[in-house]
Amino acid sequence: MDTSYDPKKVNVNVDGTIIVGFASDGIITVSKNEDAVTPNMGCQGDTVYEENANESGTISLTLQGTSPSLPKLRSLSANRRKFSVTISDANVDGSANINAQRCRILKDPDLARGKAVSTVTVNIYVPNLTIR
């Protein structure tokens, strides 16, 4: 089976701005903050699945330290603003889409300077993360 992946087909929009300047080692990582269920095994071997109501997650953007999107993200963080995030992956194999509201940046993005361009990770909290 042949598959292909094109990182140019992954687009990230934060508060109406297309994010650019991603690092060479990644674009995004999306993860739930907690497990969806917790299995609870009774003393007689019966299992109860405890459903977790926490639907929150984190979107991590991996950017070059020179990304022109960093000032926008730093401004959202400094002003403690809520914003929307839309991620669209148009790859045929394994496509995914996210449309999240009321998101917040967890902490100000790092600032690093050195001999080579640094990588900056921006972590965005999503109160209700659904991947389609």
N, C-alpha and C. Protein backbone atom coordinates (compact mmCIF):
# COMPACT_ATOMS: atom_id res chain seq x y z
N MET A 1 0.83 -1.17 0.00
CA MET A 1 0.00 0.00 0.00
C MET A 1 0.88 1.24 0.00
N ASP A 2 0.65 2.14 -0.93
CA ASP A 2 1.39 3.39 -1.01
C ASP A 2 0.63 4.50 -0.30
N THR A 3 1.34 5.26 0.51
CA THR A 3 0.75 6.42 1.15
C THR A 3 1.70 7.60 0.97
N SER A 4 1.16 8.77 1.09
CA SER A 4 2.01 9.96 1.02
C SER A 4 1.53 10.98 2.04
N TYR A 5 2.45 11.83 2.43
CA TYR A 5 2.16 12.87 3.40
C TYR A 5 2.85 14.15 2.95
N ASP A 6 2.12 15.25 2.93
CA ASP A 6 2.66 16.54 2.53
C ASP A 6 2.41 17.54 3.66
N PRO A 7 3.47 17.97 4.38
CA PRO A 7 3.27 18.91 5.49
C PRO A 7 2.67 20.25 5.04
N LYS A 8 2.79 20.57 3.75
CA LYS A 8 2.20 21.81 3.25
C LYS A 8 0.67 21.77 3.24
N LYS A 9 0.11 20.58 3.40
CA LYS A 9 -1.34 20.44 3.43
C LYS A 9 -1.91 20.54 4.84
N VAL A 10 -1.06 20.82 5.82
CA VAL A 10 -1.51 21.02 7.20
C VAL A 10 -1.51 22.52 7.47
N ASN A 11 -2.68 23.06 7.81
CA ASN A 11 -2.81 24.48 8.08
C ASN A 11 -3.32 24.72 9.48
N VAL A 12 -2.72 25.70 10.15
CA VAL A 12 -3.11 26.06 11.50
C VAL A 12 -3.51 27.53 11.51
N ASN A 13 -4.72 27.79 12.01
CA ASN A 13 -5.25 29.15 12.10
C ASN A 13 -5.54 29.44 13.56
N VAL A 14 -4.90 30.49 14.09
CA VAL A 14 -5.11 30.89 15.48
C VAL A 14 -5.66 32.31 15.48
N ASP A 15 -6.85 32.46 16.02
CA ASP A 15 -7.49 33.78 16.13
C ASP A 15 -7.53 34.51 14.79
N GLY A 16 -7.82 33.77 13.73
CA GLY A 16 -7.94 34.37 12.40
C GLY A 16 -6.63 34.58 11.65
N THR A 17 -5.51 34.12 12.21
CA THR A 17 -4.21 34.28 11.58
C THR A 17 -3.63 32.91 11.22
N ILE A 18 -3.20 32.75 9.97
CA ILE A 18 -2.53 31.52 9.56
C ILE A 18 -1.14 31.50 10.19
N ILE A 19 -0.81 30.44 10.90
CA ILE A 19 0.48 30.32 11.57
C ILE A 19 1.51 29.81 10.55
N VAL A 20 2.67 30.47 10.53
CA VAL A 20 3.77 30.11 9.62
C VAL A 20 5.08 30.06 10.41
N GLY A 21 6.11 29.52 9.79
CA GLY A 21 7.42 29.47 10.41
C GLY A 21 7.61 28.28 11.33
N PHE A 22 7.06 27.13 10.93
CA PHE A 22 7.19 25.94 11.76
C PHE A 22 8.63 25.41 11.73
N ALA A 23 9.01 24.75 12.80
CA ALA A 23 10.35 24.17 12.92
C ALA A 23 10.46 22.94 12.02
N SER A 24 11.68 22.49 11.80
CA SER A 24 11.91 21.35 10.91
C SER A 24 11.48 20.02 11.53
N ASP A 25 11.34 19.97 12.84
CA ASP A 25 11.02 18.70 13.50
C ASP A 25 9.55 18.52 13.83
N GLY A 26 8.68 19.39 13.34
CA GLY A 26 7.26 19.17 13.59
C GLY A 26 6.43 20.41 13.36
N ILE A 27 5.15 20.20 13.21
CA ILE A 27 4.20 21.29 13.06
C ILE A 27 3.35 21.37 14.32
N ILE A 28 2.59 20.31 14.57
CA ILE A 28 1.71 20.29 15.73
C ILE A 28 1.75 18.93 16.41
N THR A 29 1.40 18.95 17.66
CA THR A 29 1.10 17.74 18.42
C THR A 29 -0.20 18.03 19.15
N VAL A 30 -1.17 17.16 19.00
CA VAL A 30 -2.47 17.34 19.64
C VAL A 30 -2.69 16.17 20.57
N SER A 31 -3.05 16.46 21.83
CA SER A 31 -3.26 15.36 22.77
C SER A 31 -4.33 15.73 23.79
N LYS A 32 -5.08 14.73 24.23
CA LYS A 32 -6.04 14.90 25.32
C LYS A 32 -5.27 15.03 26.62
N ASN A 33 -5.82 15.77 27.57
CA ASN A 33 -5.14 15.97 28.84
C ASN A 33 -5.29 14.79 29.81
N GLU A 34 -6.37 14.01 29.64
CA GLU A 34 -6.60 12.86 30.52
C GLU A 34 -7.17 11.71 29.70
N ASP A 35 -7.09 10.51 30.26
CA ASP A 35 -7.70 9.34 29.64
C ASP A 35 -9.22 9.52 29.59
N ALA A 36 -9.86 8.94 28.58
CA ALA A 36 -11.31 9.04 28.43
C ALA A 36 -12.05 8.17 29.46
N VAL A 37 -11.46 7.03 29.79
CA VAL A 37 -12.06 6.13 30.78
C VAL A 37 -10.99 5.59 31.72
N THR A 38 -11.43 5.19 32.91
CA THR A 38 -10.55 4.54 33.86
C THR A 38 -11.20 3.20 34.22
N PRO A 39 -10.55 2.08 33.89
CA PRO A 39 -11.14 0.80 34.27
C PRO A 39 -10.95 0.56 35.77
N ASN A 40 -12.00 0.05 36.40
CA ASN A 40 -11.96 -0.24 37.83
C ASN A 40 -12.35 -1.70 38.00
N MET A 41 -11.39 -2.51 38.44
CA MET A 41 -11.60 -3.95 38.59
C MET A 41 -12.06 -4.24 40.00
N GLY A 42 -13.24 -4.87 40.12
CA GLY A 42 -13.78 -5.26 41.42
C GLY A 42 -13.06 -6.47 41.99
N CYS A 43 -13.29 -6.76 43.26
CA CYS A 43 -12.60 -7.87 43.92
C CYS A 43 -13.05 -9.23 43.41
N GLN A 44 -14.19 -9.30 42.71
CA GLN A 44 -14.64 -10.56 42.13
C GLN A 44 -14.39 -10.61 40.62
N GLY A 45 -13.58 -9.67 40.11
CA GLY A 45 -13.18 -9.71 38.72
C GLY A 45 -14.07 -8.95 37.76
N ASP A 46 -15.11 -8.30 38.28
CA ASP A 46 -15.97 -7.53 37.39
C ASP A 46 -15.34 -6.16 37.14
N THR A 47 -15.53 -5.66 35.94
CA THR A 47 -14.93 -4.39 35.54
C THR A 47 -15.99 -3.32 35.36
N VAL A 48 -15.70 -2.17 35.88
CA VAL A 48 -16.54 -0.99 35.68
C VAL A 48 -15.66 0.05 35.00
N TYR A 49 -16.17 0.62 33.92
CA TYR A 49 -15.44 1.69 33.23
C TYR A 49 -15.98 3.02 33.73
N GLU A 50 -15.12 3.77 34.39
CA GLU A 50 -15.49 5.09 34.88
C GLU A 50 -15.22 6.11 33.79
N GLU A 51 -16.28 6.73 33.29
CA GLU A 51 -16.16 7.72 32.22
C GLU A 51 -15.61 9.02 32.79
N ASN A 52 -14.69 9.62 32.06
CA ASN A 52 -14.09 10.89 32.47
C ASN A 52 -14.75 12.02 31.70
N ALA A 53 -15.28 13.00 32.39
CA ALA A 53 -15.96 14.12 31.75
C ALA A 53 -14.99 15.18 31.22
N ASN A 54 -13.71 15.05 31.54
CA ASN A 54 -12.72 16.03 31.09
C ASN A 54 -12.44 15.82 29.60
N GLU A 55 -12.90 16.74 28.77
CA GLU A 55 -12.70 16.67 27.33
C GLU A 55 -11.58 17.61 26.87
N SER A 56 -10.83 18.16 27.81
CA SER A 56 -9.80 19.15 27.45
C SER A 56 -8.59 18.49 26.81
N GLY A 57 -7.82 19.33 26.13
CA GLY A 57 -6.61 18.85 25.49
C GLY A 57 -5.61 19.97 25.30
N THR A 58 -4.50 19.64 24.68
CA THR A 58 -3.44 20.61 24.42
C THR A 58 -2.98 20.48 22.98
N ILE A 59 -2.83 21.64 22.33
CA ILE A 59 -2.25 21.70 21.00
C ILE A 59 -0.88 22.33 21.16
N SER A 60 0.16 21.63 20.75
CA SER A 60 1.52 22.16 20.82
C SER A 60 1.98 22.53 19.42
N LEU A 61 2.33 23.80 19.23
CA LEU A 61 2.87 24.29 17.97
C LEU A 61 4.38 24.35 18.09
N THR A 62 5.10 23.77 17.15
CA THR A 62 6.56 23.78 17.16
C THR A 62 7.03 24.76 16.10
N LEU A 63 7.57 25.90 16.53
CA LEU A 63 7.95 26.98 15.62
C LEU A 63 9.44 27.26 15.68
N GLN A 64 9.94 27.83 14.59
CA GLN A 64 11.30 28.35 14.60
C GLN A 64 11.30 29.61 15.47
N GLY A 65 12.41 29.90 16.10
CA GLY A 65 12.53 31.11 16.92
C GLY A 65 12.35 32.39 16.12
N THR A 66 12.45 32.29 14.80
CA THR A 66 12.29 33.45 13.93
C THR A 66 10.91 33.51 13.27
N SER A 67 9.99 32.67 13.70
CA SER A 67 8.66 32.62 13.09
C SER A 67 7.96 33.97 13.17
N PRO A 68 7.43 34.46 12.05
CA PRO A 68 6.68 35.72 12.08
C PRO A 68 5.35 35.60 12.83
N SER A 69 4.96 34.39 13.23
CA SER A 69 3.73 34.19 13.99
C SER A 69 3.94 34.36 15.50
N LEU A 70 5.17 34.34 15.96
CA LEU A 70 5.42 34.44 17.40
C LEU A 70 4.91 35.75 18.02
N PRO A 71 5.08 36.91 17.39
CA PRO A 71 4.53 38.13 18.02
C PRO A 71 3.02 38.04 18.27
N LYS A 72 2.27 37.49 17.34
CA LYS A 72 0.82 37.32 17.51
C LYS A 72 0.53 36.41 18.70
N LEU A 73 1.24 35.28 18.78
CA LEU A 73 1.02 34.33 19.86
C LEU A 73 1.44 34.91 21.21
N ARG A 74 2.55 35.66 21.22
CA ARG A 74 2.98 36.32 22.47
C ARG A 74 1.96 37.36 22.91
N SER A 75 1.36 38.08 21.96
CA SER A 75 0.34 39.07 22.28
C SER A 75 -0.91 38.40 22.88
N LEU A 76 -1.35 37.30 22.29
CA LEU A 76 -2.50 36.57 22.83
C LEU A 76 -2.22 36.11 24.26
N SER A 77 -1.00 35.64 24.49
CA SER A 77 -0.63 35.17 25.82
C SER A 77 -0.56 36.33 26.82
N ALA A 78 0.11 37.40 26.42
CA ALA A 78 0.28 38.55 27.33
C ALA A 78 -1.06 39.20 27.68
N ASN A 79 -1.98 39.23 26.72
CA ASN A 79 -3.29 39.85 26.96
C ASN A 79 -4.31 38.88 27.53
N ARG A 80 -3.89 37.64 27.74
CA ARG A 80 -4.74 36.61 28.34
C ARG A 80 -6.08 36.48 27.63
N ARG A 81 -5.99 36.48 26.30
CA ARG A 81 -7.19 36.42 25.48
C ARG A 81 -7.60 34.99 25.16
N LYS A 82 -8.91 34.78 25.07
CA LYS A 82 -9.46 33.54 24.55
C LYS A 82 -9.53 33.69 23.04
N PHE A 83 -9.34 32.59 22.32
CA PHE A 83 -9.33 32.63 20.86
C PHE A 83 -9.73 31.28 20.30
N SER A 84 -9.98 31.24 19.00
CA SER A 84 -10.31 29.99 18.33
C SER A 84 -9.07 29.44 17.62
N VAL A 85 -9.06 28.14 17.44
CA VAL A 85 -7.99 27.45 16.71
C VAL A 85 -8.65 26.50 15.72
N THR A 86 -8.20 26.57 14.47
CA THR A 86 -8.66 25.65 13.45
C THR A 86 -7.44 24.98 12.83
N ILE A 87 -7.45 23.67 12.82
CA ILE A 87 -6.38 22.90 12.18
C ILE A 87 -7.03 22.05 11.10
N SER A 88 -6.52 22.17 9.89
CA SER A 88 -7.02 21.34 8.80
C SER A 88 -5.86 20.60 8.14
N ASP A 89 -6.04 19.32 8.00
CA ASP A 89 -5.05 18.45 7.36
C ASP A 89 -5.71 17.88 6.11
N ALA A 90 -5.28 18.35 4.94
CA ALA A 90 -5.89 17.94 3.67
C ALA A 90 -5.22 16.72 3.06
N ASN A 91 -4.33 16.07 3.77
CA ASN A 91 -3.73 14.84 3.27
C ASN A 91 -4.81 13.77 3.15
N VAL A 92 -4.75 13.01 2.07
CA VAL A 92 -5.76 11.98 1.83
C VAL A 92 -5.66 10.88 2.88
N ASP A 93 -4.45 10.46 3.19
CA ASP A 93 -4.23 9.39 4.16
C ASP A 93 -4.09 10.00 5.55
N GLY A 94 -5.02 9.71 6.42
CA GLY A 94 -4.92 10.16 7.80
C GLY A 94 -5.27 11.61 8.04
N SER A 95 -6.17 12.15 7.26
CA SER A 95 -6.53 13.55 7.45
C SER A 95 -7.23 13.74 8.79
N ALA A 96 -7.12 14.94 9.34
CA ALA A 96 -7.75 15.27 10.62
C ALA A 96 -8.07 16.75 10.63
N ASN A 97 -9.15 17.09 11.33
CA ASN A 97 -9.55 18.48 11.45
C ASN A 97 -9.95 18.79 12.88
N ILE A 98 -9.61 19.99 13.32
CA ILE A 98 -9.95 20.45 14.66
C ILE A 98 -10.48 21.86 14.54
N ASN A 99 -11.58 22.13 15.23
CA ASN A 99 -12.13 23.46 15.31
C ASN A 99 -12.46 23.71 16.77
N ALA A 100 -11.62 24.46 17.46
CA ALA A 100 -11.75 24.64 18.90
C ALA A 100 -12.00 26.11 19.25
N GLN A 101 -12.81 26.32 20.27
CA GLN A 101 -13.16 27.66 20.73
C GLN A 101 -12.67 27.86 22.18
N ARG A 102 -12.61 29.09 22.60
CA ARG A 102 -12.26 29.49 23.97
C ARG A 102 -10.91 28.93 24.42
N CYS A 103 -9.94 28.93 23.53
CA CYS A 103 -8.59 28.41 23.82
C CYS A 103 -7.74 29.49 24.49
N ARG A 104 -6.71 29.06 25.19
CA ARG A 104 -5.76 29.98 25.82
C ARG A 104 -4.35 29.41 25.72
N ILE A 105 -3.38 30.31 25.60
CA ILE A 105 -1.97 29.91 25.64
C ILE A 105 -1.60 29.70 27.10
N LEU A 106 -0.99 28.56 27.41
CA LEU A 106 -0.72 28.20 28.80
C LEU A 106 0.37 29.04 29.44
N LYS A 107 1.41 29.42 28.68
CA LYS A 107 2.46 30.30 29.21
C LYS A 107 3.11 31.02 28.05
N ASP A 108 3.72 32.15 28.34
CA ASP A 108 4.39 32.93 27.30
C ASP A 108 5.42 32.05 26.58
N PRO A 109 5.47 32.11 25.25
CA PRO A 109 6.48 31.33 24.53
C PRO A 109 7.89 31.74 24.94
N ASP A 110 8.78 30.76 25.01
CA ASP A 110 10.18 31.02 25.36
C ASP A 110 10.83 31.93 24.33
N LEU A 111 11.88 32.61 24.77
CA LEU A 111 12.71 33.41 23.88
C LEU A 111 14.13 32.89 24.05
N ALA A 112 14.70 32.35 22.97
CA ALA A 112 16.05 31.80 23.02
C ALA A 112 16.83 32.29 21.81
N ARG A 113 18.06 32.66 22.03
CA ARG A 113 18.95 33.08 20.95
C ARG A 113 20.27 32.36 21.13
N GLY A 114 20.85 31.94 20.02
CA GLY A 114 22.12 31.23 20.07
C GLY A 114 22.77 31.20 18.71
N LYS A 115 23.69 30.29 18.54
CA LYS A 115 24.43 30.15 17.28
C LYS A 115 23.51 29.75 16.13
N ALA A 116 22.54 28.90 16.43
CA ALA A 116 21.59 28.42 15.42
C ALA A 116 20.18 28.87 15.81
N VAL A 117 19.29 28.82 14.86
CA VAL A 117 17.89 29.18 15.12
C VAL A 117 17.30 28.20 16.13
N SER A 118 16.67 28.72 17.15
CA SER A 118 16.08 27.88 18.19
C SER A 118 14.69 27.40 17.79
N THR A 119 14.19 26.45 18.54
CA THR A 119 12.83 25.95 18.37
C THR A 119 12.01 26.42 19.57
N VAL A 120 10.81 26.92 19.29
CA VAL A 120 9.92 27.40 20.35
C VAL A 120 8.64 26.58 20.29
N THR A 121 8.23 26.06 21.43
CA THR A 121 6.97 25.32 21.51
C THR A 121 5.94 26.18 22.22
N VAL A 122 4.79 26.35 21.58
CA VAL A 122 3.69 27.12 22.15
C VAL A 122 2.57 26.12 22.47
N ASN A 123 2.21 26.04 23.75
CA ASN A 123 1.17 25.11 24.19
C ASN A 123 -0.14 25.85 24.37
N ILE A 124 -1.16 25.36 23.67
CA ILE A 124 -2.48 25.98 23.68
C ILE A 124 -3.45 25.03 24.37
N TYR A 125 -4.12 25.53 25.42
CA TYR A 125 -5.13 24.74 26.13
C TYR A 125 -6.45 24.81 25.37
N VAL A 126 -7.08 23.66 25.17
CA VAL A 126 -8.36 23.57 24.48
C VAL A 126 -9.37 22.96 25.46
N PRO A 127 -10.42 23.70 25.84
CA PRO A 127 -11.36 23.18 26.83
C PRO A 127 -12.16 21.97 26.37
N ASN A 128 -12.45 21.88 25.07
CA ASN A 128 -13.22 20.76 24.53
C ASN A 128 -12.59 20.33 23.22
N LEU A 129 -11.67 19.37 23.29
CA LEU A 129 -10.91 18.94 22.13
C LEU A 129 -11.61 17.77 21.43
N THR A 130 -11.96 18.00 20.16
CA THR A 130 -12.54 16.95 19.33
C THR A 130 -11.76 16.90 18.02
N ILE A 131 -11.24 15.73 17.70
CA ILE A 131 -10.51 15.54 16.46
C ILE A 131 -11.43 14.81 15.49
N ARG A 132 -11.61 15.41 14.33
CA ARG A 132 -12.49 14.79 13.32
C ARG A 132 -11.66 14.30 12.15
